[in-house]
Protein backbone atom coordinates (compact mmCIF):
# COMPACT_ATOMS: atom_id res chain seq x y z
CA MET A 1 -30.64 -16.04 -1.94
CA PRO A 2 -33.99 -15.00 -0.51
CA GLY A 3 -34.42 -11.60 1.39
CA LEU A 4 -31.78 -9.83 -0.94
CA GLN A 5 -33.80 -9.28 -4.19
CA ASP A 6 -34.57 -5.85 -5.05
CA ARG A 7 -32.75 -4.27 -1.79
CA VAL A 8 -30.81 -1.83 -2.52
CA VAL A 9 -27.48 -1.71 -0.48
CA ILE A 10 -24.09 0.60 -0.96
CA VAL A 11 -20.60 -0.90 -0.44
CA THR A 12 -17.96 1.34 0.48
CA GLY A 13 -14.69 0.69 -0.40
CA ALA A 14 -15.97 -1.76 -3.29
CA GLY A 15 -13.46 -1.46 -6.05
CA GLY A 16 -11.56 -4.27 -4.92
CA GLY A 17 -10.15 -7.11 -2.73
CA LEU A 18 -13.39 -7.90 -0.05
CA GLY A 19 -15.41 -5.04 -1.34
CA ARG A 20 -15.56 -5.97 -4.61
CA ALA A 21 -16.42 -9.59 -3.35
CA TYR A 22 -19.46 -8.07 -1.13
CA ALA A 23 -20.84 -6.01 -4.26
CA ARG A 24 -20.02 -9.13 -7.13
CA PHE A 25 -22.21 -11.68 -4.61
CA LEU A 26 -24.55 -8.83 -3.46
CA ALA A 27 -25.45 -8.60 -7.18
CA ALA A 28 -25.51 -12.38 -8.26
CA ASN A 29 -28.34 -12.47 -5.37
CA GLY A 30 -30.66 -9.88 -6.56
CA ALA A 31 -29.47 -6.66 -4.79
CA LEU A 32 -28.94 -3.27 -6.27
CA VAL A 33 -25.41 -1.93 -5.36
CA VAL A 34 -24.08 1.02 -4.93
CA VAL A 35 -20.23 0.54 -5.60
CA ASN A 36 -18.67 3.13 -3.89
CA ASP A 37 -14.58 3.63 -4.10
CA LEU A 38 -12.27 6.74 -3.94
CA GLY A 39 -9.74 4.79 -6.35
CA GLY A 40 -6.52 5.88 -3.78
CA ALA A 41 -4.02 3.81 -2.97
CA ARG A 42 -3.71 1.31 0.23
CA ASP A 43 -2.72 4.55 2.43
CA GLY A 44 -5.44 6.70 1.29
CA SER A 45 -3.49 8.72 -1.23
CA GLY A 46 -4.84 9.85 -4.46
CA SER A 47 -8.13 9.18 -6.21
CA GLY A 48 -9.46 7.63 -9.25
CA THR A 49 -12.11 6.13 -11.03
CA SER A 50 -11.29 2.94 -12.82
CA MET A 51 -11.77 0.70 -9.64
CA ALA A 52 -15.77 1.55 -9.20
CA ASP A 53 -16.20 1.28 -12.92
CA ALA A 54 -14.63 -1.77 -13.18
CA VAL A 55 -16.43 -3.31 -10.62
CA VAL A 56 -20.03 -1.93 -11.83
CA ASP A 57 -18.55 -3.34 -15.50
CA GLU A 58 -18.41 -6.73 -13.26
CA ILE A 59 -21.80 -6.79 -12.03
CA ARG A 60 -23.52 -5.44 -15.25
CA ALA A 61 -22.20 -8.25 -17.77
CA ASP A 62 -23.00 -10.76 -15.39
CA GLY A 63 -26.78 -9.59 -15.70
CA GLY A 64 -26.80 -7.60 -12.13
CA ARG A 65 -27.62 -4.25 -11.04
CA ALA A 66 -24.94 -1.50 -10.04
CA VAL A 67 -24.19 2.08 -10.18
CA ALA A 68 -20.40 3.35 -9.38
CA ASN A 69 -19.63 6.54 -6.70
CA TYR A 70 -16.26 7.75 -6.09
CA SER A 71 -16.93 9.60 -3.11
CA SER A 72 -14.93 9.98 -0.10
CA VAL A 73 -16.56 8.12 3.52
CA ALA A 74 -13.96 10.44 5.30
CA THR A 75 -16.59 13.72 5.04
CA ALA A 76 -19.75 14.03 5.82
CA ASP A 77 -20.80 15.53 2.56
CA GLY A 78 -18.95 12.48 0.81
CA ALA A 79 -21.12 10.53 2.97
CA ALA A 80 -24.34 12.43 1.45
CA GLU A 81 -23.18 11.82 -1.72
CA ILE A 82 -22.97 8.34 -1.76
CA VAL A 83 -26.61 8.15 -0.36
CA ALA A 84 -27.92 10.46 -2.68
CA THR A 85 -26.53 8.08 -5.54
CA ALA A 86 -28.80 5.27 -4.20
CA LEU A 87 -32.08 7.19 -4.02
CA ASP A 88 -31.13 9.03 -7.76
CA GLU A 89 -30.60 5.78 -9.29
CA PHE A 90 -32.41 2.85 -7.58
CA GLY A 91 -35.18 4.75 -5.13
CA ALA A 92 -34.19 4.06 -2.00
CA VAL A 93 -31.62 2.46 0.26
CA HIS A 94 -31.99 -0.60 2.57
CA GLY A 95 -28.52 -1.78 3.90
CA ILE A 96 -24.66 -0.60 4.06
CA VAL A 97 -21.69 -2.34 4.21
CA SER A 98 -18.75 0.14 5.68
CA ASN A 99 -15.89 -1.48 4.14
CA ALA A 100 -13.91 1.31 2.92
CA GLY A 101 -9.88 1.71 4.78
CA ILE A 102 -6.58 2.62 4.40
CA LEU A 103 -3.45 1.32 6.17
CA ARG A 104 -0.83 3.83 7.58
CA ASP A 105 0.72 1.39 10.24
CA SER A 106 4.04 1.97 12.36
CA ALA A 107 5.32 0.81 16.10
CA PHE A 108 3.47 2.97 18.28
CA HIS A 109 6.55 4.83 19.35
CA LYS A 110 6.84 6.35 15.61
CA MET A 111 3.16 6.93 15.39
CA THR A 112 2.60 10.45 13.95
CA GLN A 113 -0.92 12.56 14.64
CA ASP A 114 -1.32 12.53 10.89
CA ASN A 115 -1.50 8.91 10.46
CA TRP A 116 -3.44 8.42 13.72
CA ASP A 117 -6.12 11.08 12.49
CA ALA A 118 -5.76 9.84 9.13
CA VAL A 119 -7.06 6.29 10.05
CA LEU A 120 -9.30 6.89 12.17
CA GLN A 121 -11.06 9.51 10.06
CA VAL A 122 -11.49 6.90 7.04
CA HIS A 123 -12.37 3.75 9.69
CA LEU A 124 -14.36 4.96 12.14
CA THR A 125 -15.42 8.59 11.05
CA GLY A 126 -16.19 7.26 7.81
CA GLY A 127 -18.22 4.48 8.97
CA TYR A 128 -20.22 6.86 10.91
CA ASN A 129 -20.92 9.57 8.39
CA VAL A 130 -22.42 6.76 5.83
CA VAL A 131 -24.57 5.31 8.46
CA ARG A 132 -25.32 8.63 9.92
CA ALA A 133 -26.42 9.62 6.15
CA ALA A 134 -28.69 6.65 5.58
CA TRP A 135 -30.29 6.53 9.16
CA PRO A 136 -33.46 8.80 8.21
CA HIS A 137 -33.98 6.67 5.46
CA LEU A 138 -33.92 3.04 7.25
CA ARG A 139 -36.11 4.65 10.32
CA GLU A 140 -38.27 6.26 7.71
CA GLN A 141 -39.26 2.71 5.90
CA SER A 142 -38.88 0.78 9.20
CA PHE A 143 -35.74 -1.40 7.63
CA GLY A 144 -32.43 -1.40 7.44
CA ARG A 145 -29.35 -3.83 7.65
CA ILE A 146 -25.80 -2.40 8.71
CA VAL A 147 -22.59 -4.16 8.50
CA VAL A 148 -19.38 -2.81 9.36
CA ALA A 149 -15.75 -3.89 8.82
CA THR A 150 -14.19 -4.78 11.85
CA SER A 151 -10.98 -6.47 12.09
CA THR A 152 -9.05 -9.08 14.58
CA SER A 153 -6.38 -6.26 14.71
CA GLY A 154 -9.08 -4.43 16.83
CA LEU A 155 -10.43 -7.19 18.90
CA TYR A 156 -7.29 -8.82 19.84
CA GLY A 157 -4.49 -6.37 18.88
CA ASN A 158 -1.60 -6.51 16.70
CA PHE A 159 1.61 -5.33 16.43
CA GLY A 160 1.99 -1.67 14.47
CA GLN A 161 -1.66 -1.28 14.06
CA ALA A 162 -2.63 1.02 16.97
CA ASN A 163 -4.46 3.55 14.91
CA TYR A 164 -5.94 0.87 12.87
CA GLY A 165 -7.21 -1.83 15.94
CA ALA A 166 -8.49 1.53 17.91
CA ALA A 167 -10.60 2.47 14.75
CA LYS A 168 -11.51 -1.17 14.24
CA ALA A 169 -12.75 -1.25 17.95
CA GLY A 170 -14.31 1.71 17.50
CA LEU A 171 -16.66 0.50 14.90
CA VAL A 172 -17.83 -2.50 17.07
CA GLY A 173 -18.64 0.14 19.58
CA LEU A 174 -20.97 1.96 17.19
CA ILE A 175 -22.74 -1.34 16.23
CA ASN A 176 -23.52 -1.98 20.17
CA THR A 177 -25.27 1.31 20.08
CA LEU A 178 -27.03 1.11 16.88
CA ALA A 179 -28.50 -2.06 17.84
CA ILE A 180 -30.16 -1.12 20.64
CA GLU A 181 -30.96 2.43 18.92
CA GLY A 182 -32.61 0.34 15.92
CA ALA A 183 -34.42 -2.36 16.93
CA LYS A 184 -37.96 -1.01 17.09
CA TYR A 185 -37.52 0.45 13.12
CA GLY A 186 -36.45 -2.79 11.95
CA ILE A 187 -32.83 -2.08 11.61
CA THR A 188 -30.18 -4.61 12.86
CA ALA A 189 -26.15 -3.75 13.08
CA ASN A 190 -23.34 -5.96 13.17
CA ALA A 191 -19.88 -6.34 12.62
CA ILE A 192 -17.35 -8.63 10.33
CA ALA A 193 -14.07 -9.35 11.15
CA PRO A 194 -12.82 -10.77 7.92
CA LEU A 195 -9.61 -12.88 7.43
CA ALA A 196 -8.90 -12.55 3.62
CA ALA A 197 -5.96 -11.90 0.87
CA THR A 198 -6.30 -8.29 -0.17
CA ARG A 199 -3.92 -5.59 -0.90
CA MET A 200 -4.59 -4.56 3.11
CA THR A 201 -3.00 -7.74 3.93
CA ALA A 202 -0.57 -8.29 1.40
CA ASP A 203 2.87 -7.97 3.48
CA ILE A 204 1.14 -8.62 6.74
CA ALA A 205 0.55 -12.64 6.52
CA PRO A 206 2.65 -15.81 4.86
CA GLN A 207 1.83 -16.40 1.23
CA GLU A 208 0.73 -19.87 2.49
CA VAL A 209 -1.97 -18.41 4.51
CA LEU A 210 -3.02 -15.80 2.33
CA ASP A 211 -3.65 -18.64 -0.14
CA LYS A 212 -6.43 -19.95 1.89
CA LEU A 213 -8.19 -16.55 2.23
CA ASN A 214 -10.13 -16.25 -0.96
CA PRO A 215 -12.23 -12.98 -0.26
CA GLU A 216 -14.71 -14.74 -1.75
CA LEU A 217 -15.37 -16.97 1.35
CA VAL A 218 -16.14 -13.94 3.49
CA ALA A 219 -18.99 -12.58 1.08
CA PRO A 220 -21.66 -15.19 1.91
CA ALA A 221 -21.75 -14.36 5.67
CA VAL A 222 -21.93 -10.43 4.77
CA GLY A 223 -24.80 -11.01 2.35
CA TYR A 224 -26.48 -13.20 5.08
CA LEU A 225 -26.39 -10.23 7.57
CA LEU A 226 -27.92 -8.03 4.88
CA SER A 227 -30.77 -10.40 4.22
CA GLU A 228 -34.68 -9.95 5.61
CA GLN A 229 -33.84 -13.56 7.51
CA ASN A 230 -31.25 -12.10 9.31
CA HIS A 231 -32.37 -10.84 12.99
CA ASP A 232 -29.15 -11.04 14.82
CA THR A 233 -28.27 -7.69 15.69
CA GLY A 234 -24.90 -6.43 17.87
CA SER A 235 -23.08 -9.12 17.24
CA VAL A 236 -19.32 -9.66 15.78
CA PHE A 237 -18.42 -12.63 13.58
CA VAL A 238 -14.81 -13.56 12.58
CA VAL A 239 -15.06 -14.62 8.51
CA GLY A 240 -12.29 -16.15 6.53
CA GLY A 241 -10.96 -19.29 5.09
CA GLY A 242 -14.18 -21.18 5.37
CA LEU A 243 -15.02 -20.09 9.05
CA VAL A 244 -17.66 -18.56 10.38
CA GLN A 245 -17.05 -17.49 14.06
CA ARG A 246 -19.39 -15.30 16.35
CA VAL A 247 -16.85 -13.64 18.96
CA ALA A 248 -18.25 -12.07 21.82
CA GLN A 249 -17.74 -10.51 25.36
CA PHE A 250 -17.77 -12.29 28.43
CA GLN A 251 -17.65 -11.51 32.04
CA ASN A 252 -17.04 -13.18 35.15
CA ASP A 253 -19.07 -12.70 38.88
CA GLY A 254 -16.54 -10.18 39.77
CA VAL A 255 -15.82 -9.49 43.30
CA THR A 256 -18.81 -6.65 45.46
CA PHE A 257 -16.94 -4.69 48.76
CA PRO A 258 -19.10 -3.58 50.87
CA ALA A 259 -17.16 -0.39 51.13
CA ALA A 260 -14.15 1.01 49.41
CA PRO A 261 -11.21 -1.25 49.63
CA SER A 262 -7.86 -0.61 50.53
CA LEU A 263 -4.78 -1.62 48.90
CA ASP A 264 -4.02 -4.81 50.44
CA GLU A 265 -7.81 -5.90 50.58
CA ILE A 266 -8.20 -5.27 46.84
CA THR A 267 -4.80 -7.31 45.53
CA GLY A 268 -5.63 -9.92 48.27
CA ARG A 269 -9.55 -10.67 46.02
CA TRP A 270 -7.33 -9.68 42.66
CA SER A 271 -7.14 -13.63 41.80
CA GLU A 272 -10.98 -13.86 41.92
CA ILE A 273 -11.37 -10.46 40.11
CA SER A 274 -9.21 -11.76 37.04
CA ASP A 275 -10.36 -15.59 36.97
CA MET A 276 -12.41 -15.92 33.84
CA SER A 277 -12.93 -19.69 34.41
CA GLN A 278 -16.70 -19.60 35.39
CA ALA A 279 -17.44 -16.46 32.80
CA LYS A 280 -20.50 -15.97 31.24
CA LEU A 281 -21.77 -13.89 28.16
CA GLY A 282 -21.31 -10.21 29.07
CA THR A 283 -24.25 -7.88 29.06
CA ASN A 284 -24.38 -3.84 29.82
CA PRO A 285 -24.90 -3.61 34.06
CA VAL A 286 -26.80 -0.58 33.67
C-alpha cells in the first residue's frame, strides 16, 4: 500500500490476535514495525518474550522488517521504552496502533476496585502513555498517524464490561482532542472498534459468529488510517467480518428556554428534547 513504505509504526499488544494481524499487514506493505507485547495472560497477569518474538520471526520470514519490545504500556517508563525501541532500531516513529488490552469482566455490582483500575490502566492510560511518549516526535516532524482500539462495548455498552467499556469510550474522547491539537502538525487520530475472533472474545460471542470474524479482515482499515493517503481524523470506525463502517454522534436541534424552566415546563417539552428523528451530525457547541 502506498503511504506505508518505510514508515515506522508501533503496534502494542501485537503478540497475538488483532495486534499480530496489524503488525503482519503493515510489514507486508513496507512498514517497519515495533512489535510490542508484554506476553501476559488475558487478565494481564504474567509476562514473557515468546509472543512478540514469534510475530517478529513471522514478519522477517516473509521478508519484512520488525523488532520486538516487551515493555508494559501501563507505565510512562514502559511507554518511553517502546518509543525508544522505534528510535534506536529504525530512527523514527511515524505511527502508533494502541491495541494492548486486558479483560477482567464482571457484573457491575461485583466489580472490584482492582479490576476497574487494572483495565483502565492498560487500555486508557496505556493508550495515553504511548501516544504521549511519541507525541513530541510526531509534532517535530509534522507527521503522525494514531489509531486507538475502541470497542462496541464502549460505544454501545455490554453486560459485564463496565470497566472495559468505560476505558474504550475514554479512548474516543482522547482521539477527539488529539485530532484537534494535532491538525496543524499533520497528525491524524482515529479509533477502530474491531469485531474479531481472538482470545479476548473467545467466550463472549457464539462460535458461529466468531468463525466469520478473522482478525485479518480488520487490518486493511488500520493500514489505511496509518497511511499518508488518510486525512480522516477524529473518526470512529467499526470494522470486522468484511464490514468497514463509520459511526458518529448525532444531535437534534433541541429546545431553548428563555429562562430556567419549571419541572412541568421541561416535562412538557421532553418529547421534543429527546426526539432524534431529524438529528444531524453532532458538533461541539463551544
